[in-house]
Amino acid sequence: MTNTAARDADRIARALGWTSVGLGLPQMFRPAAVTRAIGVGQGAKQQAVTKAVGMRELLHAVGLLHPRIGARWIWTRVVGDAMDLVALSRAMRRQDGDGRGRTIAATAGVVGISAVDVYAALLHARAPQRTSTVDLTATTTVGKDPQETYAFWRRLDNLREFMAHVEEVRRVSDTRSHWRVTAPFGRTVEWDAEITDDVPGERLAWRSVEGSQVANHGVVRFTRAPRGQGTEVHVTMSYDIPGGKLGEALARWSGEEPHQQLDDDLRRFKQVMETGEVVRSDGAPWGKRARREFPQHAAQPLSDNEIIDLTREEVRV
């Protein structure tokens, strides 16, 4: 399925949106005429129900015609169609003669519209999920020479030592690896990646394989820092967040700020390279224990009371 399906779903959604406008306006402002036309009676109750259905149709229209929502609202029309068919079937049982004939005709019309709505909803379900591309860059300086810095990063199973969201990087071949990472709201995503450029001591580039849950690509460059002060590590990467702009906003709302995450990962990489461990500052004495991201070590030895407090907390967890 290509982006053609997504474009078709959007086009049909707009058409259905205008259909909702055409159905909703007379139901809202000429309910008596509508109830008479479909043969369900012209009492106050029937007109009130018709106005409510008209309001629902106009609400559908707002969602379907919105440029950032569009096709995702098609299913609301399907639900509305089912409600209308139930109401018409009940009205049909109470009618006879000409009124019953008009109700049957109205029911046939709703069935036809329902078929279009269901087709459009299924088309949207099969279309590729909208994504929002996030571009990231970050830099740090490590007090090691470029070859050693590159070699540590090239052993991909080392990445989980400093990348907070990486649960596993499994080597599949010399150029391919399998990744499993945590995502917002407790989800886990996996994909395969392949190395596209590999120059020892200089750079390492990768991209996810086609069909991955999260499309991504990037490059890490290792350059000698001025005055022999180690290695400058430059990371450039892009990845797609499922759900489009809405998914990106939800990720930020949940505290998953991508730029800050990459900066934090590189800070921990520097610590691991230079000290062999992720150092915990006195300002954050327990690290990110709520997420259990790293078995961090204190910047100075723990006191007896701190050890007791930590033990109690681990028992509660």
Protein backbone atom coordinates (compact mmCIF):
# COMPACT_ATOMS: atom_id res chain seq x y z
CA MET A 1 0.00 0.00 0.00
CA THR A 2 1.45 3.36 -1.05
CA ASN A 3 0.75 6.96 -0.20
CA THR A 4 -1.85 6.88 -3.00
CA ALA A 5 -4.21 5.14 -0.58
CA ALA A 6 -3.68 7.91 1.97
CA ARG A 7 -4.42 10.57 -0.65
CA ASP A 8 -7.55 8.70 -1.76
CA ALA A 9 -8.73 8.42 1.84
CA ASP A 10 -8.20 12.16 2.36
CA ARG A 11 -10.05 12.99 -0.84
CA ILE A 12 -13.00 10.78 0.09
CA ALA A 13 -12.98 12.23 3.62
CA ARG A 14 -13.37 15.74 2.21
CA ALA A 15 -16.21 14.60 -0.03
CA LEU A 16 -17.94 12.96 2.93
CA GLY A 17 -17.38 16.11 4.95
CA TRP A 18 -19.30 18.18 2.42
CA THR A 19 -21.94 15.44 2.32
CA SER A 20 -22.33 15.85 6.07
CA VAL A 21 -22.77 19.59 5.57
CA GLY A 22 -25.47 18.94 2.97
CA LEU A 23 -27.27 16.51 5.27
CA GLY A 24 -26.81 18.42 8.50
CA LEU A 25 -27.98 21.90 7.51
CA PRO A 26 -31.57 20.99 6.55
CA GLN A 27 -31.87 18.67 9.55
CA MET A 28 -30.80 21.48 11.85
CA PHE A 29 -32.85 24.32 10.31
CA ARG A 30 -35.75 22.54 8.55
CA PRO A 31 -36.41 19.50 10.74
CA ALA A 32 -40.15 19.39 9.99
CA ALA A 33 -39.51 19.23 6.24
CA VAL A 34 -36.96 16.45 6.73
CA THR A 35 -39.18 14.31 8.96
CA ARG A 36 -42.05 14.73 6.48
CA ALA A 37 -39.80 13.73 3.56
CA ILE A 38 -38.59 10.52 5.21
CA GLY A 39 -42.01 9.62 6.61
CA VAL A 40 -41.18 9.36 10.32
CA GLY A 41 -43.81 11.81 11.54
CA GLN A 42 -43.68 15.53 12.34
CA GLY A 43 -44.10 15.53 16.11
CA ALA A 44 -41.89 17.49 18.50
CA LYS A 45 -39.94 14.36 19.44
CA GLN A 46 -39.17 13.45 15.84
CA GLN A 47 -38.05 16.98 15.07
CA ALA A 48 -35.81 17.09 18.16
CA VAL A 49 -34.16 13.82 17.11
CA THR A 50 -33.70 15.16 13.59
CA LYS A 51 -32.01 18.31 14.91
CA ALA A 52 -29.68 16.17 17.03
CA VAL A 53 -28.76 14.10 13.97
CA GLY A 54 -28.15 17.30 12.03
CA MET A 55 -25.84 18.59 14.74
CA ARG A 56 -23.98 15.27 14.65
CA GLU A 57 -23.57 15.55 10.88
CA LEU A 58 -22.14 19.06 11.17
CA LEU A 59 -19.73 17.82 13.82
CA HIS A 60 -18.65 15.07 11.38
CA ALA A 61 -18.13 17.77 8.77
CA VAL A 62 -15.83 19.79 11.01
CA GLY A 63 -13.65 16.75 11.67
CA LEU A 64 -13.63 15.43 8.10
CA LEU A 65 -12.80 18.82 6.55
CA HIS A 66 -10.08 19.66 9.07
CA PRO A 67 -6.71 19.42 7.24
CA ARG A 68 -4.96 17.70 10.17
CA ILE A 69 -7.75 15.30 11.15
CA GLY A 70 -9.64 14.48 7.98
CA ALA A 71 -9.85 10.78 7.23
CA ARG A 72 -9.49 9.74 10.86
CA TRP A 73 -13.09 10.90 11.39
CA ILE A 74 -14.58 8.61 8.75
CA TRP A 75 -15.37 5.96 11.34
CA THR A 76 -17.58 8.46 13.18
CA ARG A 77 -19.82 8.53 10.12
CA VAL A 78 -19.98 4.73 10.09
CA VAL A 79 -21.17 4.78 13.70
CA GLY A 80 -23.70 7.48 12.86
CA ASP A 81 -24.99 5.45 9.91
CA ALA A 82 -25.63 2.48 12.20
CA MET A 83 -27.57 4.70 14.59
CA ASP A 84 -29.65 6.10 11.74
CA LEU A 85 -30.46 2.63 10.39
CA VAL A 86 -31.65 1.48 13.81
CA ALA A 87 -33.86 4.57 14.18
CA LEU A 88 -35.30 4.17 10.65
CA SER A 89 -36.03 0.48 11.16
CA ARG A 90 -38.01 1.30 14.29
CA ALA A 91 -39.91 4.04 12.46
CA MET A 92 -40.62 1.68 9.58
CA ARG A 93 -42.40 -0.78 11.86
CA ARG A 94 -44.74 1.98 13.03
CA GLN A 95 -45.57 3.26 9.55
CA ASP A 96 -47.88 2.09 6.79
CA GLY A 97 -48.93 3.32 3.37
CA ASP A 98 -47.14 6.34 1.90
CA GLY A 99 -45.22 7.11 5.10
CA ARG A 100 -43.76 3.61 5.15
CA GLY A 101 -42.70 3.93 1.52
CA ARG A 102 -40.83 7.18 2.21
CA THR A 103 -39.12 5.60 5.22
CA ILE A 104 -38.05 2.61 3.11
CA ALA A 105 -36.63 5.00 0.50
CA ALA A 106 -34.76 6.94 3.21
CA THR A 107 -33.40 3.67 4.63
CA ALA A 108 -32.17 2.61 1.20
CA GLY A 109 -30.40 5.95 0.85
CA VAL A 110 -28.70 5.56 4.24
CA VAL A 111 -27.62 2.02 3.31
CA GLY A 112 -25.98 3.40 0.16
CA ILE A 113 -24.21 6.14 2.09
CA SER A 114 -23.15 3.59 4.72
CA ALA A 115 -21.51 1.46 2.05
CA VAL A 116 -19.44 4.44 0.90
CA ASP A 117 -18.53 5.31 4.50
CA VAL A 118 -17.40 1.75 5.28
CA TYR A 119 -15.33 1.59 2.09
CA ALA A 120 -13.67 4.91 2.91
CA ALA A 121 -12.98 3.82 6.51
CA LEU A 122 -11.37 0.56 5.37
CA LEU A 123 -9.32 2.43 2.78
CA HIS A 124 -8.05 4.77 5.48
CA ALA A 125 -7.24 1.81 7.75
CA ARG A 126 -5.09 0.28 5.00
CA ALA A 127 -3.29 3.53 4.20
CA PRO A 128 0.20 4.14 5.62
CA GLN A 129 0.13 5.69 9.08
CA ARG A 130 0.93 9.36 9.17
CA THR A 131 4.30 10.20 10.62
CA SER A 132 6.19 13.28 11.69
CA THR A 133 9.90 13.39 10.91
CA VAL A 134 12.20 14.57 13.70
CA ASP A 135 15.70 15.79 12.78
CA LEU A 136 18.29 15.78 15.54
CA THR A 137 21.89 16.90 15.92
CA ALA A 138 24.15 16.82 18.96
CA THR A 139 27.84 17.06 19.74
CA THR A 140 30.13 16.18 22.61
CA THR A 141 33.87 15.97 23.16
CA VAL A 142 35.34 12.78 24.59
CA GLY A 143 38.77 12.59 26.17
CA LYS A 144 39.81 9.61 24.05
CA ASP A 145 41.38 9.33 20.60
CA PRO A 146 39.07 8.94 17.57
CA GLN A 147 39.93 5.31 16.90
CA GLU A 148 39.09 4.19 20.44
CA THR A 149 35.92 6.28 20.51
CA TYR A 150 34.79 4.88 17.17
CA ALA A 151 35.61 1.31 18.21
CA PHE A 152 33.44 1.54 21.34
CA TRP A 153 30.47 2.89 19.35
CA ARG A 154 30.99 0.36 16.55
CA ARG A 155 30.37 -2.47 19.03
CA LEU A 156 26.66 -1.78 18.85
CA ASP A 157 25.78 -3.78 21.95
CA ASN A 158 27.63 -1.05 23.90
CA LEU A 159 24.98 1.51 22.98
CA ARG A 160 22.52 0.34 25.62
CA GLU A 161 25.07 1.37 28.27
CA PHE A 162 24.36 5.04 27.64
CA MET A 163 21.25 5.29 25.43
CA ALA A 164 18.30 5.53 27.81
CA HIS A 165 15.63 4.03 25.57
CA VAL A 166 17.65 1.22 24.02
CA GLU A 167 16.74 -2.14 25.54
CA GLU A 168 18.64 -4.32 23.07
CA VAL A 169 20.88 -4.08 20.03
CA ARG A 170 21.51 -7.54 18.64
CA ARG A 171 24.11 -8.13 15.93
CA VAL A 172 22.61 -10.00 12.98
CA SER A 173 25.57 -9.70 10.59
CA ASP A 174 28.58 -7.45 10.03
CA THR A 175 26.33 -4.72 8.66
CA ARG A 176 22.88 -5.50 10.07
CA SER A 177 21.49 -5.29 13.62
CA HIS A 178 18.14 -5.68 15.38
CA TRP A 179 16.97 -2.90 17.72
CA ARG A 180 14.40 -2.90 20.51
CA VAL A 181 13.67 0.41 22.25
CA THR A 182 11.10 1.82 24.62
CA ALA A 183 8.60 4.37 23.33
CA PRO A 184 6.18 6.80 25.01
CA PHE A 185 3.35 5.42 27.17
CA GLY A 186 5.12 2.14 27.95
CA ARG A 187 5.27 0.83 24.39
CA THR A 188 8.18 -1.04 22.81
CA VAL A 189 9.16 -0.82 19.14
CA GLU A 190 11.60 -2.92 17.14
CA TRP A 191 13.31 -2.66 13.78
CA ASP A 192 16.29 -3.86 11.77
CA ALA A 193 19.01 -1.44 10.70
CA GLU A 194 21.88 -1.71 8.27
CA ILE A 195 25.21 0.13 8.20
CA THR A 196 25.51 2.18 5.03
CA ASP A 197 28.92 3.80 5.57
CA ASP A 198 31.74 2.64 7.81
CA VAL A 199 35.11 4.38 7.95
CA PRO A 200 37.05 3.25 11.07
CA GLY A 201 37.95 6.17 13.31
CA GLU A 202 35.98 8.65 11.19
CA ARG A 203 32.29 7.90 10.70
CA LEU A 204 29.53 5.35 10.95
CA ALA A 205 26.21 5.73 9.12
CA TRP A 206 23.06 3.62 9.26
CA ARG A 207 19.46 3.41 8.15
CA SER A 208 16.50 1.24 9.08
CA VAL A 209 15.45 -1.40 6.57
CA GLU A 210 12.27 -1.00 4.56
CA GLY A 211 9.12 -1.81 6.49
CA SER A 212 10.53 -0.98 9.93
CA GLN A 213 8.17 0.14 12.70
CA VAL A 214 10.16 3.35 13.04
CA ALA A 215 11.95 4.60 9.93
CA ASN A 216 15.26 6.22 10.86
CA HIS A 217 18.71 7.03 9.55
CA GLY A 218 21.76 8.91 10.71
CA VAL A 219 25.51 9.24 10.91
CA VAL A 220 28.06 9.57 13.73
CA ARG A 221 31.30 11.41 12.89
CA PHE A 222 34.49 11.20 14.96
CA THR A 223 36.98 14.05 14.47
CA ARG A 224 40.12 14.84 16.42
CA ALA A 225 39.51 17.73 18.83
CA PRO A 226 41.79 20.80 18.68
CA ARG A 227 44.99 20.80 20.74
CA GLY A 228 44.86 17.06 21.25
CA GLN A 229 41.88 17.23 23.63
CA GLY A 230 40.32 13.99 22.46
CA THR A 231 37.53 13.40 19.95
CA GLU A 232 34.58 15.47 18.85
CA VAL A 233 31.55 13.23 18.35
CA HIS A 234 28.92 14.65 15.99
CA VAL A 235 25.59 12.83 15.73
CA THR A 236 23.00 13.61 13.06
CA MET A 237 19.86 11.52 12.84
CA SER A 238 16.26 11.56 11.67
CA TYR A 239 13.35 9.34 12.57
CA ASP A 240 9.62 9.21 12.07
CA ILE A 241 7.16 9.51 14.95
CA PRO A 242 3.95 7.56 14.25
CA GLY A 243 0.78 9.63 14.43
CA GLY A 244 2.09 12.73 12.66
CA LYS A 245 2.16 16.03 14.52
CA LEU A 246 -0.32 14.67 17.05
CA GLY A 247 2.04 11.80 17.90
CA GLU A 248 4.94 14.23 18.24
CA ALA A 249 2.95 16.47 20.56
CA LEU A 250 1.90 13.51 22.71
CA ALA A 251 5.51 12.35 22.95
CA ARG A 252 6.61 15.77 24.15
CA TRP A 253 3.69 15.93 26.58
CA SER A 254 4.80 12.62 28.10
CA GLY A 255 8.31 13.99 28.70
CA GLU A 256 9.91 12.33 25.68
CA GLU A 257 11.69 15.40 24.28
CA PRO A 258 13.89 13.99 21.48
CA HIS A 259 16.56 16.72 21.42
CA GLN A 260 17.10 16.54 25.16
CA GLN A 261 17.22 12.75 25.02
CA LEU A 262 20.03 12.81 22.47
CA ASP A 263 21.98 15.40 24.48
CA ASP A 264 21.59 13.24 27.59
CA ASP A 265 22.70 10.13 25.71
CA LEU A 266 25.88 11.83 24.52
CA ARG A 267 26.60 13.16 28.00
CA ARG A 268 26.39 9.61 29.32
CA PHE A 269 28.53 8.36 26.43
CA LYS A 270 31.26 10.81 27.45
CA GLN A 271 31.03 9.58 31.04
CA VAL A 272 31.23 5.92 30.06
CA MET A 273 34.22 6.53 27.79
CA GLU A 274 36.12 8.63 30.31
CA THR A 275 35.21 6.97 33.63
CA GLY A 276 33.81 3.58 32.67
CA GLU A 277 30.39 4.29 34.18
CA VAL A 278 27.48 6.74 34.25
CA VAL A 279 28.21 9.15 37.08
CA ARG A 280 25.31 10.32 39.23
CA SER A 281 25.49 13.89 40.42
CA ASP A 282 24.75 14.98 43.99
CA GLY A 283 21.95 17.15 42.55
CA ALA A 284 20.13 14.02 41.31
CA PRO A 285 21.24 11.49 43.93
CA TRP A 286 19.05 8.65 42.74
CA GLY A 287 19.28 9.23 39.00
CA LYS A 288 16.21 8.39 36.94
CA ARG A 289 15.16 5.62 39.25
CA ALA A 290 11.49 5.96 38.39
CA ARG A 291 12.31 4.64 34.93
CA ARG A 292 15.21 2.42 36.10
CA GLU A 293 17.26 3.57 33.15
CA PHE A 294 20.77 3.05 34.47
CA PRO A 295 22.49 1.38 37.42
CA GLN A 296 24.14 4.70 38.21
CA HIS A 297 26.96 5.19 40.69
CA ALA A 298 27.27 8.04 43.14
CA ALA A 299 29.78 10.81 42.58
CA GLN A 300 30.97 10.07 46.12
CA PRO A 301 30.44 7.13 48.48
CA LEU A 302 26.96 6.75 49.94
CA SER A 303 26.49 7.33 53.63
CA ASP A 304 25.07 4.60 55.88
CA ASN A 305 21.71 6.40 56.03
CA GLU A 306 21.59 6.73 52.23
CA ILE A 307 22.28 3.01 51.84
CA ILE A 308 19.41 2.22 54.24
CA ASP A 309 17.05 4.59 52.38
CA LEU A 310 17.99 3.08 49.04
CA THR A 311 17.43 -0.47 50.32
CA ARG A 312 13.99 0.45 51.64
CA GLU A 313 13.06 2.04 48.33
CA GLU A 314 14.16 -1.01 46.33
CA VAL A 315 12.03 -3.24 48.56
CA ARG A 316 8.97 -1.05 47.87
CA VAL A 317 9.65 -1.12 44.10
